[in-house]
C-alpha atoms as a PDB file:
ATOM      1  CA  MET A   1      -5.871 -50.357  18.332  1.00  0.00           C
ATOM      2  CA  PRO A   2      -4.150 -47.030  19.181  1.00  0.00           C
ATOM      3  CA  THR A   3      -5.021 -44.127  17.200  1.00  0.00           C
ATOM      4  CA  ALA A   4      -2.798 -42.954  14.328  1.00  0.00           C
ATOM      5  CA  ILE A   5      -0.834 -39.805  15.003  1.00  0.00           C
ATOM      6  CA  ARG A   6      -1.374 -37.551  12.104  1.00  0.00           C
ATOM      7  CA  ASP A   7       0.420 -34.203  11.175  1.00  0.00           C
ATOM      8  CA  PHE A   8      -1.134 -31.307  12.971  1.00  0.00           C
ATOM      9  CA  LYS A   9      -2.575 -28.698  10.959  1.00  0.00           C
ATOM     10  CA  ALA A  10      -3.895 -25.426  12.296  1.00  0.00           C
ATOM     11  CA  PHE A  11      -7.815 -25.116  12.865  1.00  0.00           C
ATOM     12  CA  ASN A  12      -8.552 -28.883  11.855  1.00  0.00           C
ATOM     13  CA  LEU A  13     -11.048 -30.821  13.964  1.00  0.00           C
ATOM     14  CA  GLN A  14      -8.562 -31.856  16.687  1.00  0.00           C
ATOM     15  CA  HIS A  15      -7.173 -28.082  17.121  1.00  0.00           C
ATOM     16  CA  ILE A  16     -10.867 -26.639  16.764  1.00  0.00           C
ATOM     17  CA  ILE A  17     -11.960 -29.350  19.702  1.00  0.00           C
ATOM     18  CA  ALA A  18      -8.828 -28.317  21.807  1.00  0.00           C
ATOM     19  CA  LEU A  19      -9.805 -24.601  21.641  1.00  0.00           C
ATOM     20  CA  ALA A  20     -13.562 -25.326  22.263  1.00  0.00           C
ATOM     21  CA  VAL A  21     -12.369 -27.445  25.552  1.00  0.00           C
ATOM     22  CA  ILE A  22     -10.422 -24.622  26.737  1.00  0.00           C
ATOM     23  CA  LEU A  23     -12.943 -21.851  25.940  1.00  0.00           C
ATOM     24  CA  GLY A  24     -15.467 -23.838  28.023  1.00  0.00           C
ATOM     25  CA  PHE A  25     -13.370 -24.293  31.107  1.00  0.00           C
ATOM     26  CA  CYS A  26     -12.503 -20.476  30.877  1.00  0.00           C
ATOM     27  CA  LEU A  27     -16.071 -19.543  30.524  1.00  0.00           C
ATOM     28  CA  LEU A  28     -17.030 -21.969  33.536  1.00  0.00           C
ATOM     29  CA  ILE A  29     -14.384 -20.542  35.881  1.00  0.00           C
ATOM     30  CA  ALA A  30     -15.388 -16.937  34.953  1.00  0.00           C
ATOM     31  CA  PHE A  31     -18.982 -17.544  36.316  1.00  0.00           C
ATOM     32  CA  LYS A  32     -18.127 -19.938  38.973  1.00  0.00           C
ATOM     33  CA  ALA A  33     -15.054 -18.536  40.303  1.00  0.00           C
ATOM     34  CA  ARG A  34     -16.422 -15.476  41.868  1.00  0.00           C
ATOM     35  CA  SER A  35     -17.396 -17.424  45.009  1.00  0.00           C
ATOM     36  CA  SER A  36     -14.933 -17.228  47.933  1.00  0.00           C
ATOM     37  CA  ARG A  37     -15.605 -20.665  49.086  1.00  0.00           C
ATOM     38  CA  ILE A  38     -14.762 -21.905  45.449  1.00  0.00           C
ATOM     39  CA  ARG A  39     -11.881 -19.929  45.167  1.00  0.00           C
ATOM     40  CA  LYS A  40     -10.098 -21.257  48.192  1.00  0.00           C
ATOM     41  CA  TRP A  41      -9.455 -24.699  46.755  1.00  0.00           C
ATOM     42  CA  LEU A  42      -9.840 -23.933  42.889  1.00  0.00           C
ATOM     43  CA  GLY A  43      -6.746 -21.596  42.825  1.00  0.00           C
ATOM     44  CA  PRO A  44      -4.317 -24.150  44.167  1.00  0.00           C
ATOM     45  CA  LEU A  45      -5.852 -26.592  41.879  1.00  0.00           C
ATOM     46  CA  ILE A  46      -4.882 -24.787  38.949  1.00  0.00           C
ATOM     47  CA  GLY A  47      -1.721 -23.908  40.364  1.00  0.00           C
ATOM     48  CA  CYS A  48      -0.958 -27.450  40.889  1.00  0.00           C
ATOM     49  CA  LEU A  49      -2.004 -28.369  37.197  1.00  0.00           C
ATOM     50  CA  LEU A  50       0.438 -25.816  36.015  1.00  0.00           C
ATOM     51  CA  ILE A  51       3.138 -27.030  38.361  1.00  0.00           C
ATOM     52  CA  GLY A  52       2.430 -30.573  36.999  1.00  0.00           C
ATOM     53  CA  TYR A  53       2.850 -29.423  33.445  1.00  0.00           C
ATOM     54  CA  ALA A  54       6.040 -28.126  34.056  1.00  0.00           C
ATOM     55  CA  ALA A  55       7.275 -31.350  35.832  1.00  0.00           C
ATOM     56  CA  ALA A  56       5.771 -33.581  33.108  1.00  0.00           C
ATOM     57  CA  LEU A  57       7.695 -31.329  30.646  1.00  0.00           C
ATOM     58  CA  TYR A  58      11.118 -31.686  32.506  1.00  0.00           C
ATOM     59  CA  ILE A  59      10.631 -35.553  33.096  1.00  0.00           C
ATOM     60  CA  GLN A  60       9.646 -36.103  29.453  1.00  0.00           C
ATOM     61  CA  GLN A  61      12.676 -34.618  28.499  1.00  0.00           C
ATOM     62  CA  GLY A  62      14.703 -36.199  30.864  1.00  0.00           C
ATOM     63  CA  LEU A  63      13.580 -39.753  30.121  1.00  0.00           C
ATOM     64  CA  THR A  64      14.259 -39.154  26.338  1.00  0.00           C
ATOM     65  CA  HIS A  65      17.790 -37.690  26.904  1.00  0.00           C
ATOM     66  CA  SER A  66      16.646 -34.424  25.349  1.00  0.00           C
ATOM     67  CA  LEU A  67      17.383 -31.797  27.732  1.00  0.00           C
ATOM     68  CA  ALA A  68      19.350 -28.997  26.214  1.00  0.00           C
ATOM     69  CA  TRP A  69      20.136 -25.538  27.016  1.00  0.00           C
ATOM     70  CA  ARG A  70      19.010 -24.380  23.728  1.00  0.00           C
ATOM     71  CA  TYR A  71      15.167 -25.090  24.550  1.00  0.00           C
ATOM     72  CA  SER A  72      14.982 -26.564  28.052  1.00  0.00           C
ATOM     73  CA  LEU A  73      15.523 -23.457  30.033  1.00  0.00           C
ATOM     74  CA  PRO A  74      12.131 -21.468  31.113  1.00  0.00           C
ATOM     75  CA  LEU A  75      13.030 -18.402  29.153  1.00  0.00           C
ATOM     76  CA  ASP A  76      10.442 -18.395  26.422  1.00  0.00           C
ATOM     77  CA  LEU A  77       7.416 -15.833  27.097  1.00  0.00           C
ATOM     78  CA  CYS A  78       4.844 -18.546  27.578  1.00  0.00           C
ATOM     79  CA  ASN A  79       6.979 -20.178  30.509  1.00  0.00           C
ATOM     80  CA  LEU A  80       7.258 -16.699  32.159  1.00  0.00           C
ATOM     81  CA  ILE A  81       3.858 -15.956  32.262  1.00  0.00           C
ATOM     82  CA  LEU A  82       2.975 -19.696  33.364  1.00  0.00           C
ATOM     83  CA  ALA A  83       5.347 -18.904  36.401  1.00  0.00           C
ATOM     84  CA  ALA A  84       3.492 -15.743  37.309  1.00  0.00           C
ATOM     85  CA  CYS A  85       0.207 -17.239  36.782  1.00  0.00           C
ATOM     86  CA  ALA A  86       1.348 -20.094  39.093  1.00  0.00           C
ATOM     87  CA  ILE A  87       2.854 -17.760  41.784  1.00  0.00           C
ATOM     88  CA  SER A  88      -0.374 -15.611  41.855  1.00  0.00           C
ATOM     89  CA  LEU A  89      -2.678 -18.574  42.422  1.00  0.00           C
ATOM     90  CA  PHE A  90      -0.783 -19.671  45.383  1.00  0.00           C
ATOM     91  CA  CYS A  91       0.230 -16.213  46.721  1.00  0.00           C
ATOM     92  CA  PRO A  92      -1.808 -13.442  44.938  1.00  0.00           C
ATOM     93  CA  ASN A  93       0.310 -10.614  43.639  1.00  0.00           C
ATOM     94  CA  ARG A  94      -0.772  -7.629  41.766  1.00  0.00           C
ATOM     95  CA  PHE A  95       2.053  -7.436  39.562  1.00  0.00           C
ATOM     96  CA  LEU A  96       2.556 -10.905  38.585  1.00  0.00           C
ATOM     97  CA  THR A  97      -1.260 -10.792  38.132  1.00  0.00           C
ATOM     98  CA  GLU A  98      -1.048  -8.009  35.526  1.00  0.00           C
ATOM     99  CA  ILE A  99       1.670  -9.883  33.455  1.00  0.00           C
ATOM    100  CA  ALA A 100      -0.349 -13.221  33.528  1.00  0.00           C
ATOM    101  CA  TYR A 101      -3.417 -10.881  32.068  1.00  0.00           C
ATOM    102  CA  PHE A 102      -1.899  -8.595  29.886  1.00  0.00           C
ATOM    103  CA  CYS A 103       1.079 -10.751  28.313  1.00  0.00           C
ATOM    104  CA  GLY A 104      -0.975 -13.945  28.934  1.00  0.00           C
ATOM    105  CA  LEU A 105      -3.849 -13.353  27.088  1.00  0.00           C
ATOM    106  CA  GLY A 106      -1.986 -11.656  24.255  1.00  0.00           C
ATOM    107  CA  GLY A 107       0.910 -14.183  23.980  1.00  0.00           C
ATOM    108  CA  VAL A 108      -0.742 -17.319  25.027  1.00  0.00           C
ATOM    109  CA  LEU A 109      -4.027 -17.053  23.000  1.00  0.00           C
ATOM    110  CA  GLN A 110      -1.836 -16.133  19.901  1.00  0.00           C
ATOM    111  CA  ALA A 111       0.073 -19.321  20.778  1.00  0.00           C
ATOM    112  CA  THR A 112      -2.753 -21.386  21.157  1.00  0.00           C
ATOM    113  CA  ALA A 113      -4.387 -20.224  17.908  1.00  0.00           C
ATOM    114  CA  THR A 114      -1.272 -20.909  15.991  1.00  0.00           C
ATOM    115  CA  PRO A 115       0.685 -23.681  17.794  1.00  0.00           C
ATOM    116  CA  ASP A 116       4.265 -24.441  16.855  1.00  0.00           C
ATOM    117  CA  LEU A 117       3.340 -28.434  16.655  1.00  0.00           C
ATOM    118  CA  VAL A 118       4.245 -30.820  14.092  1.00  0.00           C
ATOM    119  CA  SER A 119       2.261 -33.773  15.477  1.00  0.00           C
ATOM    120  CA  GLY A 120      -1.415 -33.867  16.088  1.00  0.00           C
ATOM    121  CA  PHE A 121      -3.403 -35.827  18.721  1.00  0.00           C
ATOM    122  CA  PRO A 122      -2.768 -38.112  20.570  1.00  0.00           C
ATOM    123  CA  SER A 123       1.055 -37.109  20.356  1.00  0.00           C
ATOM    124  CA  TRP A 124       2.341 -36.349  23.795  1.00  0.00           C
ATOM    125  CA  ASP A 125       3.472 -32.966  22.086  1.00  0.00           C
ATOM    126  CA  PHE A 126      -0.081 -32.044  21.228  1.00  0.00           C
ATOM    127  CA  ILE A 127      -1.309 -33.034  24.684  1.00  0.00           C
ATOM    128  CA  GLN A 128       1.532 -31.289  26.636  1.00  0.00           C
ATOM    129  CA  PHE A 129       1.238 -28.030  24.439  1.00  0.00           C
ATOM    130  CA  PHE A 130      -2.549 -27.620  24.954  1.00  0.00           C
ATOM    131  CA  TRP A 131      -2.344 -28.772  28.834  1.00  0.00           C
ATOM    132  CA  GLY A 132       0.174 -25.883  29.393  1.00  0.00           C
ATOM    133  CA  HIS A 133      -1.533 -23.233  27.165  1.00  0.00           C
ATOM    134  CA  GLY A 134      -5.001 -24.456  28.345  1.00  0.00           C
ATOM    135  CA  VAL A 135      -4.420 -24.419  32.109  1.00  0.00           C
ATOM    136  CA  THR A 136      -2.281 -21.182  31.876  1.00  0.00           C
ATOM    137  CA  LEU A 137      -5.428 -19.428  30.307  1.00  0.00           C
ATOM    138  CA  THR A 138      -8.032 -20.965  32.708  1.00  0.00           C
ATOM    139  CA  GLY A 139      -5.468 -19.620  35.476  1.00  0.00           C
ATOM    140  CA  ILE A 140      -5.470 -16.122  34.081  1.00  0.00           C
ATOM    141  CA  ILE A 141      -9.313 -16.066  33.932  1.00  0.00           C
ATOM    142  CA  PHE A 142      -9.463 -17.346  37.489  1.00  0.00           C
ATOM    143  CA  LEU A 143      -6.978 -14.273  38.612  1.00  0.00           C
ATOM    144  CA  VAL A 144      -9.217 -11.677  37.147  1.00  0.00           C
ATOM    145  CA  SER A 145     -12.502 -12.771  37.980  1.00  0.00           C
ATOM    146  CA  ASP A 146     -12.535 -11.826  41.690  1.00  0.00           C
ATOM    147  CA  GLY A 147     -13.706  -8.361  41.050  1.00  0.00           C
ATOM    148  CA  ARG A 148     -10.477  -6.983  42.841  1.00  0.00           C
ATOM    149  CA  PHE A 149      -8.356  -6.602  39.748  1.00  0.00           C
ATOM    150  CA  SER A 150      -8.308  -3.039  38.223  1.00  0.00           C
ATOM    151  CA  PRO A 151      -5.626  -2.128  35.718  1.00  0.00           C
ATOM    152  CA  SER A 152      -5.023   1.632  34.858  1.00  0.00           C
ATOM    153  CA  PRO A 153      -3.163   3.181  31.873  1.00  0.00           C
ATOM    154  CA  LYS A 154      -0.181   3.283  33.664  1.00  0.00           C
ATOM    155  CA  THR A 155      -0.343  -0.570  33.887  1.00  0.00           C
ATOM    156  CA  ILE A 156      -0.180  -0.697  30.087  1.00  0.00           C
ATOM    157  CA  LEU A 157       3.057   1.517  30.256  1.00  0.00           C
ATOM    158  CA  LYS A 158       4.416  -0.995  33.115  1.00  0.00           C
ATOM    159  CA  MET A 159       3.591  -4.030  30.958  1.00  0.00           C
ATOM    160  CA  MET A 160       5.457  -2.405  27.924  1.00  0.00           C
ATOM    161  CA  ALA A 161       8.548  -1.807  30.017  1.00  0.00           C
ATOM    162  CA  ALA A 162       8.487  -5.436  31.235  1.00  0.00           C
ATOM    163  CA  LEU A 163       8.004  -6.783  27.834  1.00  0.00           C
ATOM    164  CA  ASN A 164      10.992  -4.829  26.591  1.00  0.00           C
ATOM    165  CA  LEU A 165      12.832  -5.666  29.547  1.00  0.00           C
ATOM    166  CA  TYR A 166      12.244  -9.524  28.980  1.00  0.00           C
ATOM    167  CA  GLY A 167      13.320  -8.752  25.037  1.00  0.00           C
ATOM    168  CA  LEU A 168      16.490  -7.206  25.959  1.00  0.00           C
ATOM    169  CA  VAL A 169      17.848  -9.788  28.548  1.00  0.00           C
ATOM    170  CA  VAL A 170      16.544 -12.791  26.848  1.00  0.00           C
ATOM    171  CA  GLY A 171      17.716 -11.420  23.298  1.00  0.00           C
ATOM    172  CA  ILE A 172      21.235 -11.000  24.830  1.00  0.00           C
ATOM    173  CA  LEU A 173      21.187 -14.331  26.002  1.00  0.00           C
ATOM    174  CA  ASP A 174      19.796 -15.812  22.659  1.00  0.00           C
ATOM    175  CA  TRP A 175      22.628 -13.827  20.697  1.00  0.00           C
ATOM    176  CA  ALA A 176      25.602 -14.847  22.781  1.00  0.00           C
ATOM    177  CA  MET A 177      24.470 -18.567  23.071  1.00  0.00           C
ATOM    178  CA  GLY A 178      23.013 -19.057  19.779  1.00  0.00           C
ATOM    179  CA  TRP A 179      19.570 -19.805  20.998  1.00  0.00           C
ATOM    180  CA  ASN A 180      15.891 -18.742  20.151  1.00  0.00           C
ATOM    181  CA  TYR A 181      13.891 -18.299  23.005  1.00  0.00           C
ATOM    182  CA  GLY A 182      10.853 -16.026  22.543  1.00  0.00           C
ATOM    183  CA  TYR A 183      11.448 -16.214  18.864  1.00  0.00           C
ATOM    184  CA  LEU A 184      13.632 -13.192  19.231  1.00  0.00           C
ATOM    185  CA  CYS A 185      16.464 -14.456  16.443  1.00  0.00           C
ATOM    186  CA  ARG A 186      14.398 -16.217  13.949  1.00  0.00           C
ATOM    187  CA  LYS A 187      10.618 -17.304  13.311  1.00  0.00           C
ATOM    188  CA  PRO A 188       9.195 -20.525  14.315  1.00  0.00           C
ATOM    189  CA  ASP A 189       9.460 -23.321  11.620  1.00  0.00           C
ATOM    190  CA  ALA A 190       5.719 -23.922  11.665  1.00  0.00           C
ATOM    191  CA  ALA A 191       3.124 -21.298  10.183  1.00  0.00           C
ATOM    192  CA  SER A 192       2.461 -18.535  12.464  1.00  0.00           C
ATOM    193  CA  LEU A 193       1.309 -14.893  12.891  1.00  0.00           C
ATOM    194  CA  PHE A 194       5.260 -14.046  12.564  1.00  0.00           C
ATOM    195  CA  ASP A 195       4.888 -14.848   8.902  1.00  0.00           C
ATOM    196  CA  VAL A 196       2.917 -11.722   7.996  1.00  0.00           C
ATOM    197  CA  LEU A 197       4.975  -9.436  10.204  1.00  0.00           C
ATOM    198  CA  GLY A 198       7.933  -8.877   8.102  1.00  0.00           C
ATOM    199  CA  PRO A 199      11.624 -10.320   8.347  1.00  0.00           C
ATOM    200  CA  TRP A 200      13.859 -10.379  11.355  1.00  0.00           C
ATOM    201  CA  PRO A 201      14.468  -8.126  12.914  1.00  0.00           C
ATOM    202  CA  TRP A 202      11.602  -5.929  11.664  1.00  0.00           C
ATOM    203  CA  TYR A 203       8.784  -8.562  12.833  1.00  0.00           C
ATOM    204  CA  LEU A 204      10.193  -7.622  16.281  1.00  0.00           C
ATOM    205  CA  LEU A 205       8.893  -4.144  15.805  1.00  0.00           C
ATOM    206  CA  SER A 206       5.550  -5.603  14.427  1.00  0.00           C
ATOM    207  CA  VAL A 207       5.059  -7.378  17.620  1.00  0.00           C
ATOM    208  CA  GLU A 208       5.758  -4.574  19.842  1.00  0.00           C
ATOM    209  CA  ALA A 209       3.099  -2.480  18.002  1.00  0.00           C
ATOM    210  CA  ILE A 210       0.902  -5.502  18.204  1.00  0.00           C
ATOM    211  CA  ALA A 211       1.551  -5.844  21.844  1.00  0.00           C
ATOM    212  CA  PHE A 212       0.875  -2.118  22.757  1.00  0.00           C
ATOM    213  CA  VAL A 213      -2.371  -2.378  20.829  1.00  0.00           C
ATOM    214  CA  SER A 214      -3.309  -5.662  22.432  1.00  0.00           C
ATOM    215  CA  PHE A 215      -2.833  -4.318  25.785  1.00  0.00           C
ATOM    216  CA  TRP A 216      -5.183  -1.337  25.178  1.00  0.00           C
ATOM    217  CA  LEU A 217      -7.605  -3.624  24.070  1.00  0.00           C
ATOM    218  CA  LEU A 218      -7.387  -5.794  27.046  1.00  0.00           C
ATOM    219  CA  TYR A 219      -7.804  -2.501  29.365  1.00  0.00           C
ATOM    220  CA  LEU A 220     -11.066  -1.244  27.841  1.00  0.00           C
ATOM    221  CA  PRO A 221     -13.189  -3.542  29.820  1.00  0.00           C
ATOM    222  CA  TRP A 222     -12.084  -1.686  32.855  1.00  0.00           C
ATOM    223  CA  HIS A 223     -12.156   1.450  31.131  1.00  0.00           C
ATOM    224  CA  PHE A 224     -15.741   1.274  30.264  1.00  0.00           C
ATOM    225  CA  SER A 225     -16.560  -0.372  33.665  1.00  0.00           C
ATOM    226  CA  ARG A 226     -15.187   2.915  35.235  1.00  0.00           C
ATOM    227  CA  ILE A 227     -17.394   5.074  32.870  1.00  0.00           C
ATOM    228  CA  ARG A 228     -20.548   3.196  33.711  1.00  0.00           C
ATOM    229  CA  SER A 229     -19.738   3.593  37.516  1.00  0.00           C
ATOM    230  CA  ARG A 230     -19.375   7.329  37.017  1.00  0.00           C
ATOM    231  CA  ASP A 231     -22.367   7.800  35.130  1.00  0.00           C
ATOM    232  CA  ARG A 232     -24.336   5.699  37.774  1.00  0.00           C
ATOM    233  CA  ALA A 233     -22.734   7.704  40.475  1.00  0.00           C
ATOM    234  CA  VAL A 234     -23.794  11.018  38.694  1.00  0.00           C
ATOM    235  CA  THR A 235     -27.145   9.844  38.127  1.00  0.00           C
ATOM    236  CA  ALA A 236     -27.727   8.956  41.755  1.00  0.00           C
ATOM    237  CA  ASP A 237     -26.658  12.380  42.833  1.00  0.00           C
ATOM    238  CA  HIS A 238     -29.000  14.046  40.731  1.00  0.00           C
ATOM    239  CA  SER A 239     -31.889  11.862  41.616  1.00  0.00           C
END
């Protein structure tokens, strides 16, 4: 007998289980993906899962005749993060990895914690959402776990510039075409962090401030790592 589909509610049991599964895979990759032997096949595998998600999304929309300019174009920030992550998994690129890490962990984590979903498990929307966001997060963890990723304060400024360029270009398209990619013209219908950030357009400034603080917080592990390395070098010089 098929399982009944219930309305989705944030942080109910099925949401918590989905988050726990994603967290488990992220931790597993963080500890196991440092081996060059494992990285040779794991990176492309995660990349294929991301491409598979995108293909499944468009196939599903095509089969249900729901392809539409207003929401089928890959213009949401999560879509661009997924693309940056997928490309870097096949062809490592520092700038795209920086976008995936800073914008991904800030944006995809928020989206995963407060999904814009109506139906819960086992609806296709639920599976598709956590497939795409979950694999994106595991891909980001993979990309930054090899020890060579080393952002600097300039990276934060570069990411803020990239984020504002995205907002400008997509915002103009949204305004001209009546779309809402990136939620730049109105808040999502489901409850989300946007609800406490003020009305439009002021919540966009709130998002800007949150992004800046988030980027600095995401940079701190590397900042403290450099401080520890310098302290060890000084100690070694004096010993």
